[in-house]
Protein backbone atom coordinates (compact mmCIF):
# COMPACT_ATOMS: atom_id res chain seq x y z
CA MET A 1 -68.35 -4.05 53.14
CA LYS A 2 -68.78 -0.42 52.88
CA ALA A 3 -65.74 0.09 50.70
CA ILE A 4 -67.17 -2.36 48.19
CA LYS A 5 -70.83 -0.49 48.07
CA LYS A 6 -68.15 2.69 47.78
CA THR A 7 -65.87 0.59 44.54
CA LEU A 8 -68.78 -0.43 42.81
CA ALA A 9 -71.05 3.03 42.37
CA ILE A 10 -67.22 4.01 41.32
CA LEU A 11 -67.40 1.54 38.70
CA LEU A 12 -70.67 2.39 37.76
CA PHE A 13 -69.93 6.01 37.27
CA ALA A 14 -67.25 5.77 35.30
CA LEU A 15 -68.77 3.12 32.77
CA VAL A 16 -71.88 5.45 32.45
CA PRO A 17 -69.42 7.59 29.93
CA VAL A 18 -68.32 4.63 28.25
CA LEU A 19 -71.91 3.54 27.31
CA ALA A 20 -73.05 6.62 26.20
CA ASP A 21 -70.36 6.84 23.90
CA ALA A 22 -71.45 3.50 22.47
CA GLN A 23 -73.65 5.47 19.30
CA SER A 24 -70.09 6.15 17.66
CA ILE A 25 -69.15 2.28 17.33
CA PRO A 26 -68.77 1.73 13.67
CA ALA A 27 -70.94 -0.62 12.13
CA ARG A 28 -69.58 -3.84 9.66
CA LEU A 29 -72.20 -5.04 7.89
CA GLU A 30 -71.32 -8.04 5.65
CA ILE A 31 -72.11 -9.04 2.12
CA SER A 32 -69.86 -11.55 0.99
CA GLN A 33 -67.61 -13.58 2.64
CA ILE A 34 -65.77 -16.46 1.46
CA GLU A 35 -62.36 -18.12 3.04
CA ALA A 36 -59.64 -19.75 1.20
CA ASN A 37 -56.43 -22.00 1.71
CA ASP A 38 -57.85 -24.41 3.70
CA GLY A 39 -59.36 -21.26 5.92
CA GLN A 40 -55.98 -19.39 6.24
CA VAL A 41 -57.80 -16.57 3.45
CA GLN A 42 -60.02 -14.82 4.35
CA LEU A 43 -62.27 -12.88 2.09
CA GLU A 44 -64.82 -10.36 2.61
CA ALA A 45 -67.14 -7.52 1.09
CA PHE A 46 -68.91 -5.20 3.78
CA GLN A 47 -70.47 -2.26 4.12
CA PHE A 48 -68.89 0.02 6.60
CA ILE A 49 -71.20 2.60 8.58
CA LYS A 50 -69.32 5.51 10.76
CA ASP A 51 -70.84 8.69 11.36
CA GLY A 52 -73.56 8.24 9.31
CA GLU A 53 -71.38 7.93 6.27
CA LYS A 54 -71.55 4.24 4.37
CA SER A 55 -68.77 2.94 2.10
CA TYR A 56 -67.35 -0.51 0.57
CA TRP A 57 -64.52 -2.01 1.53
CA LEU A 58 -63.33 -5.45 0.83
CA SER A 59 -60.72 -7.46 3.18
CA VAL A 60 -58.34 -9.66 1.64
CA GLY A 61 -57.78 -11.15 5.08
CA HIS A 62 -54.66 -11.46 7.25
CA LEU A 63 -51.03 -10.76 5.72
CA GLY A 64 -48.18 -13.59 6.08
CA VAL A 65 -44.44 -11.69 6.08
CA GLY A 66 -41.70 -13.03 4.08
CA ASP A 67 -40.63 -13.11 0.27
CA GLU A 68 -42.61 -14.05 -2.88
CA ILE A 69 -41.85 -17.35 -2.14
CA VAL A 70 -41.95 -18.07 2.16
CA GLN A 71 -44.77 -16.15 3.48
CA VAL A 72 -45.27 -17.16 7.88
CA GLN A 73 -49.08 -16.32 9.13
CA PHE A 74 -48.54 -15.27 12.73
CA ASP A 75 -50.93 -12.58 12.98
CA PRO A 76 -54.17 -13.19 13.29
CA LEU A 77 -54.88 -9.27 14.80
CA PHE A 78 -54.35 -7.41 11.74
CA GLU A 79 -56.40 -7.12 8.02
CA LEU A 80 -55.58 -5.76 5.12
CA PHE A 81 -59.28 -3.47 4.10
CA ILE A 82 -59.38 -2.44 -0.01
CA PRO A 83 -61.37 0.76 -0.30
CA LEU A 84 -63.91 -0.07 -3.07
CA GLY A 85 -66.61 3.01 -2.82
CA ASP A 86 -68.73 5.04 -1.46
CA THR A 87 -71.89 3.45 -3.37
CA LEU A 88 -72.45 -0.65 -4.13
CA GLU A 89 -72.28 0.48 -7.89
CA GLU A 90 -68.62 1.73 -7.25
CA ALA A 91 -67.96 -1.38 -5.45
CA ILE A 92 -69.10 -3.96 -7.90
CA ASP A 93 -67.63 -1.68 -10.68
CA THR A 94 -64.74 -2.21 -8.43
CA MET A 95 -64.20 -5.53 -8.31
CA GLU A 96 -65.04 -5.73 -12.13
CA ASP A 97 -61.93 -4.55 -12.89
CA MET A 98 -60.03 -5.50 -10.01
CA LYS A 99 -61.23 -9.23 -11.99
CA ASP A 100 -60.00 -7.89 -14.91
CA TYR A 101 -56.20 -8.62 -13.50
CA PHE A 102 -56.87 -11.83 -13.15
CA GLY A 103 -55.70 -13.01 -16.77
CA LYS A 104 -52.84 -10.08 -17.61
CA PRO A 105 -49.20 -11.32 -17.45
CA SER A 106 -46.59 -11.28 -13.63
CA SER A 107 -45.51 -8.46 -15.35
CA GLU A 108 -48.60 -5.91 -15.26
CA ILE A 109 -48.56 -4.83 -11.26
CA PHE A 110 -51.00 -2.08 -10.62
CA GLU A 111 -51.41 -0.44 -7.15
CA MET A 112 -54.08 0.83 -5.23
CA ASP A 113 -54.79 2.18 -1.63
CA GLY A 114 -55.47 0.24 1.04
CA CYS A 115 -55.16 -0.02 4.69
CA LEU A 116 -54.02 -2.44 7.18
CA ALA A 117 -55.81 -2.48 10.73
CA VAL A 118 -57.84 -4.27 13.04
CA GLY A 119 -61.00 -5.08 13.25
CA PHE A 120 -61.97 -2.01 11.33
CA PRO A 121 -60.71 0.07 8.21
CA THR A 122 -59.26 3.65 9.21
CA LYS A 123 -58.18 6.34 7.14
CA ASP A 124 -54.42 5.80 6.84
CA LEU A 125 -54.52 4.39 3.43
CA GLN A 126 -51.11 2.52 2.20
CA THR A 127 -50.37 1.73 -1.70
CA VAL A 128 -50.84 -1.97 -1.77
CA THR A 129 -49.55 -3.13 -4.67
CA ILE A 130 -51.63 -6.23 -6.66
CA VAL A 131 -49.53 -8.75 -8.53
CA PRO A 132 -51.64 -11.14 -11.56
CA ARG A 133 -50.15 -14.31 -10.86
CA ARG A 134 -50.31 -17.97 -12.51
CA VAL A 135 -49.89 -21.12 -10.79
CA PHE A 136 -50.00 -24.25 -12.66
CA LEU A 137 -54.45 -24.30 -13.40
CA THR A 138 -55.09 -21.42 -11.26
CA ARG A 139 -54.60 -17.76 -11.40
CA ASN A 140 -54.17 -15.81 -8.00
CA LEU A 141 -53.88 -12.27 -7.40
CA ILE A 142 -50.76 -11.41 -5.02
CA PHE A 143 -51.72 -8.20 -2.40
CA LYS A 144 -48.48 -6.98 -1.40
CA LEU A 145 -47.75 -4.27 1.56
CA GLU A 146 -44.77 -2.69 2.89
CA TYR A 147 -44.51 -2.59 7.12
CA ASP A 148 -42.47 -2.02 9.06
CA GLY A 149 -39.76 -3.11 6.53
CA TYR A 150 -41.64 -6.51 6.04
CA GLU A 151 -42.92 -7.47 2.74
CA ARG A 152 -46.39 -8.55 3.67
CA ASN A 153 -48.84 -10.64 1.17
CA THR A 154 -51.89 -12.84 0.54
CA TYR A 155 -52.66 -14.64 -2.38
CA VAL A 156 -56.39 -14.32 -3.98
CA PRO A 157 -57.61 -17.03 -5.99
CA ARG A 158 -59.58 -16.18 -8.88
CA SER A 159 -62.32 -18.49 -8.14
CA THR A 160 -62.39 -16.89 -4.14
CA PHE A 161 -62.82 -13.49 -5.87
CA VAL A 162 -65.62 -13.85 -7.93
CA SER A 163 -67.15 -15.99 -5.78
CA ILE A 164 -66.97 -12.17 -3.80
CA LEU A 165 -68.31 -10.52 -6.56
CA SER A 166 -71.12 -12.82 -7.16
CA GLY A 167 -72.30 -12.83 -3.90
CA LEU A 168 -72.37 -8.64 -4.18
CA LYS A 169 -74.11 -8.39 -7.05
CA PHE A 170 -76.65 -10.91 -6.13
CA TYR A 171 -76.86 -8.13 -2.44
CA ARG A 172 -77.55 -5.79 -4.97
CA LYS A 173 -80.47 -7.94 -6.32
CA LEU A 174 -82.12 -8.52 -2.98
CA HIS A 175 -81.30 -4.52 -2.24
CA PRO A 176 -81.93 -2.54 -5.54
CA ASN A 177 -82.79 0.79 -3.62
CA GLU A 178 -79.64 0.01 -1.76
CA GLU A 179 -76.59 3.02 -2.50
């Protein structure tokens, strides 16, 4: 019994620094979220607060592994994050610029910075290639990333993207003083 009390006291003292450091955990404020492709793609625009600094990010969800034709979805942890800007206006402008690419031909690719991380975006940015693709009546953007020698990508339909953008604009109307 004495050994159990001693062990619990040691664990309690070990937890104190961990709980004291809980203030440095970054905050992720979800602004707009939608699922597409039967729940395979989860798009989310959010405000990220770390060390008192705000920034806006777009999560295009979990990436598949493979090539342009066949993608295998097996990684439920890593998400692809695209930085949108430090203010809400910058975030909306960046999303508007990205939306314009849905109407471009497939030969017109563009690149942005992004990071593949678990839970929260990091400062380890990589180049993400974004390709417009038209399949039958739908328009998609393909977000491609070379990671560990594999091509990882996800398809984002235009309707889903526009819904996220509308959510950001609606958030701006609800919070006009938000920076």
